Amino acid sequence: MLISLVTLHENGRKACLIKGDGKHSMGKEQAKKKKTEKTEHGRHYNMQRIKSQDTSIELKLRKALWEKGYRYRKNVKDLPGKPDLVFAKYKLAIFCDSEFFHGKDWEVLKPQLERGNHADFWIGKITRNRERDDEINKKLLFLGWTVIRFWGKDILKNTDTCVKVIEEAIFDITMSDGDTET
């Protein structure tokens, strides 16, 4: 005995045919097309959710700094690269970089990407990100800013150490400003 059930979505398209034994009845081509659509939709969905602001690593560092009494501006559009955190008084720009998109351990990551899917796209993208990071560092240094870049896992695992690095940079900037004013 074979029972067929057709489920329609709001847009009127067939969702699936179900046999009496509970298995889906679908040809190989139809199954392949459905899998591809699902994969592409899933990839698109995941990539849309990769944020450029207020990431978990940024939030963790900001919270730790705020609790210590430090006040900062975030994502300042007037500066090259739109730093994640800015201490304008000290001309200190801080970036929170994810390991993958900014190419941490590039010598190890690049060969892995070469073996994966869409190798040309990812290698080009990450190479360009690394070049852009260098350009931004140079522009900010030329404008008299101090630049600190943290890797995401360093922030997550060693937040206190990252805060100490920022505190030391502020101390060094404060001391060097005191030397020039005298």
N, C-alpha and C. Protein backbone atom coordinates (compact mmCIF):
# COMPACT_ATOMS: atom_id res chain seq x y z
N MET A 1 0.83 -1.17 0.00
CA MET A 1 0.00 0.00 0.00
C MET A 1 0.88 1.25 0.00
N LEU A 2 0.62 2.16 -0.90
CA LEU A 2 1.41 3.37 -1.03
C LEU A 2 0.51 4.57 -0.79
N ILE A 3 0.87 5.38 0.18
CA ILE A 3 0.11 6.59 0.49
C ILE A 3 1.00 7.77 0.16
N SER A 4 0.51 8.69 -0.61
CA SER A 4 1.28 9.88 -0.96
C SER A 4 0.69 11.09 -0.26
N LEU A 5 1.54 11.90 0.25
CA LEU A 5 1.13 13.13 0.90
C LEU A 5 1.91 14.27 0.27
N VAL A 6 1.23 15.26 -0.19
CA VAL A 6 1.90 16.42 -0.78
C VAL A 6 1.72 17.58 0.17
N THR A 7 2.82 18.16 0.59
CA THR A 7 2.78 19.32 1.46
C THR A 7 3.13 20.55 0.63
N LEU A 8 2.30 21.55 0.73
CA LEU A 8 2.56 22.78 -0.02
C LEU A 8 3.03 23.88 0.91
N HIS A 9 4.05 24.62 0.45
CA HIS A 9 4.50 25.80 1.19
C HIS A 9 3.59 26.96 0.85
N GLU A 10 3.78 28.08 1.54
CA GLU A 10 2.98 29.28 1.29
C GLU A 10 3.09 29.75 -0.15
N ASN A 11 4.26 29.52 -0.76
CA ASN A 11 4.45 29.97 -2.14
C ASN A 11 3.86 28.99 -3.15
N GLY A 12 3.23 27.91 -2.69
CA GLY A 12 2.56 26.97 -3.57
C GLY A 12 3.43 25.86 -4.12
N ARG A 13 4.73 25.81 -3.74
CA ARG A 13 5.62 24.77 -4.24
C ARG A 13 5.49 23.50 -3.43
N LYS A 14 5.72 22.38 -4.07
CA LYS A 14 5.68 21.10 -3.37
C LYS A 14 6.89 20.98 -2.47
N ALA A 15 6.66 20.54 -1.24
CA ALA A 15 7.77 20.34 -0.33
C ALA A 15 8.31 18.93 -0.48
N CYS A 16 7.48 17.91 -0.43
CA CYS A 16 7.96 16.55 -0.58
C CYS A 16 6.79 15.59 -0.78
N LEU A 17 7.12 14.43 -1.26
CA LEU A 17 6.16 13.34 -1.37
C LEU A 17 6.57 12.28 -0.37
N ILE A 18 5.65 11.78 0.39
CA ILE A 18 5.99 10.79 1.40
C ILE A 18 5.32 9.48 1.06
N LYS A 19 6.10 8.40 1.05
CA LYS A 19 5.56 7.07 0.80
C LYS A 19 4.92 6.54 2.07
N GLY A 20 4.17 5.48 1.93
CA GLY A 20 3.53 4.86 3.07
C GLY A 20 4.51 4.35 4.10
N ASP A 21 5.74 4.02 3.68
CA ASP A 21 6.74 3.52 4.63
C ASP A 21 7.49 4.65 5.32
N GLY A 22 7.12 5.91 5.03
CA GLY A 22 7.73 7.04 5.72
C GLY A 22 8.95 7.60 5.03
N LYS A 23 9.38 6.98 3.92
CA LYS A 23 10.56 7.47 3.21
C LYS A 23 10.16 8.50 2.18
N HIS A 24 11.09 9.39 1.88
CA HIS A 24 10.83 10.43 0.89
C HIS A 24 10.97 9.85 -0.50
N SER A 25 10.07 10.23 -1.38
CA SER A 25 10.10 9.79 -2.76
C SER A 25 10.61 10.94 -3.61
N MET A 26 11.84 10.84 -4.08
CA MET A 26 12.44 11.93 -4.83
C MET A 26 13.50 11.34 -5.74
N GLY A 27 13.59 11.83 -6.98
CA GLY A 27 14.60 11.35 -7.90
C GLY A 27 15.98 11.86 -7.49
N LYS A 28 17.02 11.24 -8.07
CA LYS A 28 18.40 11.62 -7.73
C LYS A 28 18.69 13.08 -8.08
N GLU A 29 18.26 13.50 -9.26
CA GLU A 29 18.50 14.89 -9.68
C GLU A 29 17.80 15.87 -8.76
N GLN A 30 16.57 15.53 -8.40
CA GLN A 30 15.79 16.38 -7.51
C GLN A 30 16.46 16.47 -6.13
N ALA A 31 16.95 15.34 -5.64
CA ALA A 31 17.62 15.30 -4.34
C ALA A 31 18.90 16.12 -4.37
N LYS A 32 19.66 16.00 -5.47
CA LYS A 32 20.91 16.75 -5.60
C LYS A 32 20.63 18.25 -5.62
N LYS A 33 19.61 18.66 -6.38
CA LYS A 33 19.25 20.07 -6.47
C LYS A 33 18.83 20.60 -5.10
N LYS A 34 18.03 19.81 -4.39
CA LYS A 34 17.56 20.23 -3.07
C LYS A 34 18.73 20.37 -2.10
N LYS A 35 19.68 19.43 -2.16
CA LYS A 35 20.84 19.48 -1.28
C LYS A 35 21.67 20.73 -1.58
N THR A 36 21.86 21.02 -2.88
CA THR A 36 22.65 22.20 -3.27
C THR A 36 21.97 23.47 -2.79
N GLU A 37 20.66 23.57 -2.98
CA GLU A 37 19.93 24.74 -2.52
C GLU A 37 20.06 24.91 -1.01
N LYS A 38 19.96 23.79 -0.31
CA LYS A 38 20.05 23.83 1.15
C LYS A 38 21.45 24.27 1.58
N THR A 39 22.47 23.74 0.91
CA THR A 39 23.84 24.10 1.25
C THR A 39 24.11 25.57 0.97
N GLU A 40 23.70 26.03 -0.21
CA GLU A 40 23.92 27.43 -0.56
C GLU A 40 23.15 28.36 0.37
N HIS A 41 21.93 27.99 0.69
CA HIS A 41 21.14 28.81 1.62
C HIS A 41 21.80 28.83 3.00
N GLY A 42 22.24 27.66 3.45
CA GLY A 42 22.90 27.58 4.76
C GLY A 42 24.18 28.39 4.81
N ARG A 43 24.97 28.32 3.73
CA ARG A 43 26.21 29.09 3.67
C ARG A 43 25.90 30.58 3.69
N HIS A 44 24.92 30.98 2.90
CA HIS A 44 24.52 32.39 2.85
C HIS A 44 24.04 32.85 4.23
N TYR A 45 23.24 32.02 4.87
CA TYR A 45 22.72 32.33 6.21
C TYR A 45 23.86 32.49 7.21
N ASN A 46 24.82 31.58 7.18
CA ASN A 46 25.96 31.65 8.11
C ASN A 46 26.83 32.87 7.84
N MET A 47 27.10 33.14 6.58
CA MET A 47 27.98 34.28 6.25
C MET A 47 27.32 35.60 6.61
N GLN A 48 26.00 35.68 6.53
CA GLN A 48 25.30 36.91 6.89
C GLN A 48 25.47 37.21 8.37
N ARG A 49 25.63 36.20 9.16
CA ARG A 49 25.68 36.38 10.60
C ARG A 49 27.08 36.64 11.14
N ILE A 50 28.07 36.70 10.27
CA ILE A 50 29.42 37.07 10.71
C ILE A 50 29.43 38.58 10.85
N LYS A 51 29.59 39.02 12.08
CA LYS A 51 29.45 40.45 12.35
C LYS A 51 30.79 41.16 12.26
N SER A 52 30.72 42.44 11.95
CA SER A 52 31.94 43.23 11.93
C SER A 52 32.02 44.13 13.16
N GLN A 53 30.90 44.30 13.85
CA GLN A 53 30.88 45.11 15.06
C GLN A 53 30.21 44.33 16.17
N ASP A 54 30.60 44.65 17.41
CA ASP A 54 30.02 44.02 18.59
C ASP A 54 30.14 42.50 18.57
N THR A 55 31.29 42.01 18.16
CA THR A 55 31.54 40.58 18.19
C THR A 55 31.79 40.15 19.63
N SER A 56 31.76 38.85 19.87
CA SER A 56 31.94 38.35 21.24
C SER A 56 33.32 38.73 21.79
N ILE A 57 34.34 38.73 20.92
CA ILE A 57 35.68 39.09 21.42
C ILE A 57 35.75 40.57 21.77
N GLU A 58 35.11 41.41 20.96
CA GLU A 58 35.06 42.85 21.28
C GLU A 58 34.33 43.09 22.59
N LEU A 59 33.18 42.45 22.72
CA LEU A 59 32.36 42.64 23.93
C LEU A 59 33.12 42.23 25.18
N LYS A 60 33.84 41.13 25.10
CA LYS A 60 34.59 40.66 26.28
C LYS A 60 35.67 41.66 26.67
N LEU A 61 36.41 42.16 25.69
CA LEU A 61 37.46 43.14 25.98
C LEU A 61 36.87 44.45 26.48
N ARG A 62 35.80 44.91 25.84
CA ARG A 62 35.17 46.15 26.26
C ARG A 62 34.64 46.06 27.68
N LYS A 63 34.03 44.94 28.01
CA LYS A 63 33.48 44.76 29.36
C LYS A 63 34.59 44.80 30.41
N ALA A 64 35.70 44.13 30.11
CA ALA A 64 36.83 44.12 31.05
C ALA A 64 37.41 45.53 31.23
N LEU A 65 37.52 46.27 30.16
CA LEU A 65 38.05 47.64 30.25
C LEU A 65 37.08 48.55 30.99
N TRP A 66 35.79 48.40 30.70
CA TRP A 66 34.77 49.23 31.35
C TRP A 66 34.77 48.99 32.86
N GLU A 67 34.89 47.72 33.26
CA GLU A 67 34.91 47.39 34.69
C GLU A 67 36.11 47.98 35.40
N LYS A 68 37.20 48.20 34.66
CA LYS A 68 38.40 48.82 35.24
C LYS A 68 38.32 50.34 35.21
N GLY A 69 37.24 50.87 34.67
CA GLY A 69 37.05 52.32 34.66
C GLY A 69 37.52 53.02 33.41
N TYR A 70 37.94 52.27 32.39
CA TYR A 70 38.39 52.89 31.14
C TYR A 70 37.19 53.21 30.26
N ARG A 71 37.21 54.39 29.68
CA ARG A 71 36.16 54.80 28.76
C ARG A 71 36.77 54.98 27.38
N TYR A 72 36.04 54.61 26.39
CA TYR A 72 36.56 54.54 25.03
C TYR A 72 35.44 54.84 24.05
N ARG A 73 35.81 55.04 22.81
CA ARG A 73 34.84 55.12 21.72
C ARG A 73 34.99 53.86 20.90
N LYS A 74 33.91 53.44 20.28
CA LYS A 74 33.99 52.22 19.49
C LYS A 74 33.67 52.48 18.03
N ASN A 75 34.38 51.76 17.14
CA ASN A 75 34.17 51.81 15.70
C ASN A 75 34.14 53.25 15.17
N VAL A 76 35.21 53.97 15.41
CA VAL A 76 35.30 55.37 15.00
C VAL A 76 35.51 55.45 13.49
N LYS A 77 34.53 56.01 12.80
CA LYS A 77 34.53 56.05 11.34
C LYS A 77 35.54 57.03 10.77
N ASP A 78 35.96 58.02 11.56
CA ASP A 78 36.88 59.05 11.07
C ASP A 78 38.31 58.54 10.94
N LEU A 79 38.62 57.41 11.56
CA LEU A 79 39.98 56.88 11.53
C LEU A 79 40.10 55.77 10.50
N PRO A 80 41.27 55.64 9.89
CA PRO A 80 41.47 54.55 8.93
C PRO A 80 41.21 53.19 9.59
N GLY A 81 40.48 52.33 8.91
CA GLY A 81 40.21 51.00 9.41
C GLY A 81 39.09 50.89 10.41
N LYS A 82 38.53 52.01 10.84
CA LYS A 82 37.44 52.03 11.81
C LYS A 82 37.77 51.12 13.02
N PRO A 83 38.76 51.53 13.84
CA PRO A 83 39.20 50.68 14.95
C PRO A 83 38.04 50.26 15.86
N ASP A 84 38.17 49.05 16.43
CA ASP A 84 37.13 48.52 17.31
C ASP A 84 37.01 49.36 18.58
N LEU A 85 38.13 49.76 19.14
CA LEU A 85 38.16 50.61 20.34
C LEU A 85 39.15 51.74 20.13
N VAL A 86 38.78 52.92 20.60
CA VAL A 86 39.66 54.08 20.45
C VAL A 86 39.71 54.83 21.77
N PHE A 87 40.92 55.11 22.22
CA PHE A 87 41.15 55.99 23.36
C PHE A 87 41.71 57.28 22.75
N ALA A 88 40.81 58.20 22.40
CA ALA A 88 41.20 59.40 21.68
C ALA A 88 42.20 60.25 22.46
N LYS A 89 42.01 60.32 23.78
CA LYS A 89 42.90 61.13 24.63
C LYS A 89 44.35 60.68 24.49
N TYR A 90 44.55 59.38 24.30
CA TYR A 90 45.91 58.83 24.22
C TYR A 90 46.33 58.50 22.78
N LYS A 91 45.44 58.75 21.83
CA LYS A 91 45.67 58.38 20.43
C LYS A 91 46.05 56.90 20.33
N LEU A 92 45.20 56.07 20.91
CA LEU A 92 45.40 54.63 20.95
C LEU A 92 44.25 53.94 20.22
N ALA A 93 44.57 53.17 19.19
CA ALA A 93 43.57 52.44 18.40
C ALA A 93 43.76 50.95 18.62
N ILE A 94 42.66 50.25 18.92
CA ILE A 94 42.72 48.82 19.22
C ILE A 94 41.83 48.07 18.25
N PHE A 95 42.37 46.99 17.69
CA PHE A 95 41.63 46.12 16.79
C PHE A 95 41.53 44.73 17.40
N CYS A 96 40.36 44.12 17.30
CA CYS A 96 40.12 42.75 17.76
C CYS A 96 39.93 41.90 16.50
N ASP A 97 40.96 41.15 16.13
CA ASP A 97 40.94 40.42 14.86
C ASP A 97 40.65 38.93 15.08
N SER A 98 39.78 38.39 14.23
CA SER A 98 39.54 36.94 14.28
C SER A 98 40.68 36.24 13.56
N GLU A 99 41.02 35.07 14.05
CA GLU A 99 42.17 34.34 13.52
C GLU A 99 42.00 33.98 12.05
N PHE A 100 40.83 33.51 11.67
CA PHE A 100 40.63 33.04 10.30
C PHE A 100 40.66 34.19 9.30
N PHE A 101 39.82 35.19 9.50
CA PHE A 101 39.68 36.25 8.50
C PHE A 101 40.89 37.16 8.41
N HIS A 102 41.73 37.19 9.43
CA HIS A 102 42.92 38.04 9.39
C HIS A 102 44.19 37.22 9.25
N GLY A 103 44.06 35.91 9.05
CA GLY A 103 45.18 35.06 8.67
C GLY A 103 46.23 34.83 9.73
N LYS A 104 45.81 34.49 10.95
CA LYS A 104 46.80 34.14 11.97
C LYS A 104 47.50 32.85 11.53
N ASP A 105 48.79 32.76 11.76
CA ASP A 105 49.60 31.60 11.34
C ASP A 105 49.36 31.31 9.85
N TRP A 106 49.53 32.33 9.03
CA TRP A 106 49.22 32.26 7.61
C TRP A 106 49.99 31.15 6.90
N GLU A 107 51.21 30.88 7.34
CA GLU A 107 52.02 29.83 6.71
C GLU A 107 51.38 28.46 6.91
N VAL A 108 50.63 28.30 8.00
CA VAL A 108 49.94 27.04 8.28
C VAL A 108 48.55 27.05 7.63
N LEU A 109 47.86 28.15 7.72
CA LEU A 109 46.48 28.25 7.22
C LEU A 109 46.41 28.19 5.69
N LYS A 110 47.34 28.85 5.01
CA LYS A 110 47.27 28.93 3.55
C LYS A 110 47.29 27.55 2.89
N PRO A 111 48.22 26.65 3.25
CA PRO A 111 48.18 25.31 2.63
C PRO A 111 46.89 24.55 2.93
N GLN A 112 46.30 24.77 4.09
CA GLN A 112 45.03 24.12 4.40
C GLN A 112 43.93 24.65 3.49
N LEU A 113 43.92 25.95 3.26
CA LEU A 113 42.92 26.54 2.37
C LEU A 113 43.10 26.08 0.93
N GLU A 114 44.35 25.88 0.52
CA GLU A 114 44.62 25.43 -0.85
C GLU A 114 44.00 24.07 -1.12
N ARG A 115 43.87 23.24 -0.09
CA ARG A 115 43.27 21.91 -0.24
C ARG A 115 41.75 21.94 -0.13
N GLY A 116 41.18 23.05 0.33
CA GLY A 116 39.75 23.13 0.58
C GLY A 116 38.94 23.67 -0.59
N ASN A 117 37.68 23.88 -0.34
CA ASN A 117 36.75 24.42 -1.34
C ASN A 117 36.97 25.92 -1.52
N HIS A 118 36.81 26.39 -2.74
CA HIS A 118 36.91 27.82 -3.07
C HIS A 118 38.25 28.41 -2.61
N ALA A 119 39.32 27.67 -2.84
CA ALA A 119 40.65 28.06 -2.37
C ALA A 119 41.05 29.44 -2.88
N ASP A 120 40.83 29.71 -4.16
CA ASP A 120 41.24 31.01 -4.72
C ASP A 120 40.53 32.16 -4.03
N PHE A 121 39.24 31.98 -3.78
CA PHE A 121 38.46 33.03 -3.12
C PHE A 121 39.01 33.31 -1.72
N TRP A 122 39.16 32.25 -0.92
CA TRP A 122 39.56 32.45 0.48
C TRP A 122 40.99 32.95 0.60
N ILE A 123 41.89 32.42 -0.21
CA ILE A 123 43.29 32.88 -0.15
C ILE A 123 43.37 34.35 -0.56
N GLY A 124 42.66 34.71 -1.62
CA GLY A 124 42.63 36.11 -2.05
C GLY A 124 42.05 37.03 -1.00
N LYS A 125 40.94 36.60 -0.41
CA LYS A 125 40.26 37.41 0.60
C LYS A 125 41.15 37.64 1.82
N ILE A 126 41.72 36.57 2.33
CA ILE A 126 42.53 36.69 3.55
C ILE A 126 43.84 37.43 3.26
N THR A 127 44.42 37.19 2.09
CA THR A 127 45.64 37.93 1.72
C THR A 127 45.34 39.42 1.67
N ARG A 128 44.23 39.77 1.06
CA ARG A 128 43.84 41.19 0.98
C ARG A 128 43.57 41.77 2.36
N ASN A 129 42.93 41.00 3.24
CA ASN A 129 42.69 41.46 4.61
C ASN A 129 44.01 41.75 5.32
N ARG A 130 44.98 40.86 5.15
CA ARG A 130 46.28 41.05 5.80
C ARG A 130 46.98 42.30 5.26
N GLU A 131 46.90 42.48 3.94
CA GLU A 131 47.51 43.68 3.34
C GLU A 131 46.82 44.94 3.85
N ARG A 132 45.49 44.90 3.92
CA ARG A 132 44.72 46.05 4.41
C ARG A 132 45.08 46.35 5.86
N ASP A 133 45.24 45.31 6.68
CA ASP A 133 45.65 45.52 8.08
C ASP A 133 46.97 46.27 8.15
N ASP A 134 47.94 45.88 7.31
CA ASP A 134 49.24 46.56 7.29
C ASP A 134 49.10 48.01 6.84
N GLU A 135 48.29 48.24 5.81
CA GLU A 135 48.07 49.61 5.31
C GLU A 135 47.44 50.48 6.40
N ILE A 136 46.46 49.94 7.09
CA ILE A 136 45.78 50.69 8.15
C ILE A 136 46.76 51.01 9.28
N ASN A 137 47.57 50.03 9.67
CA ASN A 137 48.57 50.27 10.72
C ASN A 137 49.49 51.42 10.33
N LYS A 138 49.96 51.40 9.09
CA LYS A 138 50.87 52.45 8.62
C LYS A 138 50.20 53.82 8.62
N LYS A 139 48.96 53.88 8.14
CA LYS A 139 48.23 55.16 8.11
C LYS A 139 48.05 55.71 9.51
N LEU A 140 47.65 54.85 10.44
CA LEU A 140 47.43 55.31 11.82
C LEU A 140 48.74 55.74 12.46
N LEU A 141 49.81 55.00 12.24
CA LEU A 141 51.11 55.37 12.80
C LEU A 141 51.56 56.72 12.22
N PHE A 142 51.34 56.93 10.93
CA PHE A 142 51.69 58.20 10.29
C PHE A 142 50.92 59.36 10.92
N LEU A 143 49.68 59.10 11.32
CA LEU A 143 48.85 60.14 11.96
C LEU A 143 49.19 60.32 13.45
N GLY A 144 50.14 59.53 13.95
CA GLY A 144 50.58 59.68 15.34
C GLY A 144 49.83 58.79 16.33
N TRP A 145 49.14 57.80 15.84
CA TRP A 145 48.39 56.89 16.70
C TRP A 145 49.21 55.66 17.04
N THR A 146 48.95 55.11 18.22
CA THR A 146 49.52 53.82 18.61
C THR A 146 48.48 52.76 18.27
N VAL A 147 48.92 51.68 17.65
CA VAL A 147 48.00 50.63 17.21
C VAL A 147 48.29 49.34 17.96
N ILE A 148 47.24 48.74 18.51
CA ILE A 148 47.36 47.43 19.15
C ILE A 148 46.36 46.51 18.47
N ARG A 149 46.82 45.33 18.08
CA ARG A 149 45.95 44.31 17.48
C ARG A 149 45.98 43.07 18.36
N PHE A 150 44.80 42.58 18.70
CA PHE A 150 44.69 41.36 19.49
C PHE A 150 44.01 40.28 18.66
N TRP A 151 44.46 39.04 18.82
CA TRP A 151 43.77 37.90 18.21
C TRP A 151 42.59 37.53 19.10
N GLY A 152 41.54 37.06 18.49
CA GLY A 152 40.31 36.72 19.20
C GLY A 152 40.51 35.74 20.34
N LYS A 153 41.28 34.68 20.08
CA LYS A 153 41.47 33.66 21.13
C LYS A 153 42.31 34.20 22.29
N ASP A 154 43.21 35.13 22.00
CA ASP A 154 43.97 35.76 23.08
C ASP A 154 43.04 36.55 23.99
N ILE A 155 42.08 37.24 23.39
CA ILE A 155 41.12 38.01 24.18
C ILE A 155 40.26 37.07 25.01
N LEU A 156 39.77 36.00 24.39
CA LEU A 156 38.88 35.08 25.10
C LEU A 156 39.59 34.33 26.22
N LYS A 157 40.83 33.92 25.98
CA LYS A 157 41.55 33.11 26.98
C LYS A 157 42.34 33.94 27.98
N ASN A 158 42.83 35.11 27.55
CA ASN A 158 43.71 35.92 28.40
C ASN A 158 43.25 37.38 28.42
N THR A 159 42.02 37.60 28.78
CA THR A 159 41.48 38.96 28.77
C THR A 159 42.28 39.88 29.67
N ASP A 160 42.64 39.40 30.85
CA ASP A 160 43.40 40.24 31.80
C ASP A 160 44.74 40.67 31.21
N THR A 161 45.40 39.77 30.49
CA THR A 161 46.67 40.11 29.86
C THR A 161 46.47 41.19 28.79
N CYS A 162 45.41 41.07 28.03
CA CYS A 162 45.11 42.09 27.01
C CYS A 162 44.86 43.45 27.65
N VAL A 163 44.13 43.45 28.75
CA VAL A 163 43.87 44.71 29.47
C VAL A 163 45.18 45.30 29.98
N LYS A 164 46.08 44.45 30.48
CA LYS A 164 47.38 44.93 30.97
C LYS A 164 48.20 45.53 29.84
N VAL A 165 48.14 44.93 28.65
CA VAL A 165 48.87 45.48 27.50
C VAL A 165 48.35 46.88 27.18
N ILE A 166 47.02 47.04 27.23
CA ILE A 166 46.42 48.36 26.96
C ILE A 166 46.82 49.35 28.05
N GLU A 167 46.78 48.91 29.31
CA GLU A 167 47.18 49.79 30.42
C GLU A 167 48.63 50.22 30.29
N GLU A 168 49.51 49.30 29.91
CA GLU A 168 50.92 49.63 29.73
C GLU A 168 51.11 50.62 28.57
N ALA A 169 50.34 50.43 27.51
CA ALA A 169 50.43 51.35 26.37
C ALA A 169 49.98 52.75 26.79
N ILE A 170 48.90 52.83 27.54
CA ILE A 170 48.42 54.13 28.03
C ILE A 170 49.46 54.76 28.92
N PHE A 171 50.07 53.96 29.81
CA PHE A 171 51.12 54.47 30.70
C PHE A 171 52.30 55.00 29.89
N ASP A 172 52.74 54.22 28.90
CA ASP A 172 53.88 54.64 28.07
C ASP A 172 53.56 55.92 27.30
N ILE A 173 52.35 56.02 26.76
CA ILE A 173 51.96 57.21 26.02
C ILE A 173 51.91 58.42 26.96
N THR A 174 51.37 58.21 28.16
CA THR A 174 51.28 59.29 29.15
C THR A 174 52.67 59.77 29.55
N MET A 175 53.58 58.81 29.75
CA MET A 175 54.95 59.17 30.16
C MET A 175 55.69 59.88 29.02
N SER A 176 55.50 59.44 27.78
CA SER A 176 56.20 60.08 26.67
C SER A 176 55.64 61.47 26.39
N ASP A 177 54.35 61.67 26.64
CA ASP A 177 53.75 63.01 26.49
C ASP A 177 54.30 63.95 27.56
N GLY A 178 54.53 63.42 28.74
CA GLY A 178 55.07 64.23 29.82
C GLY A 178 56.49 64.68 29.51
N ASP A 179 57.26 63.81 28.81
CA ASP A 179 58.65 64.16 28.46
C ASP A 179 58.70 65.28 27.44
N THR A 180 57.78 65.31 26.49
CA THR A 180 57.82 66.32 25.43
C THR A 180 57.33 67.67 25.90
N GLU A 181 56.47 67.68 26.94
CA GLU A 181 55.93 68.94 27.42
C GLU A 181 56.89 69.68 28.33
N THR A 182 57.89 69.02 28.89
CA THR A 182 58.81 69.64 29.80
C THR A 182 59.86 70.45 29.18
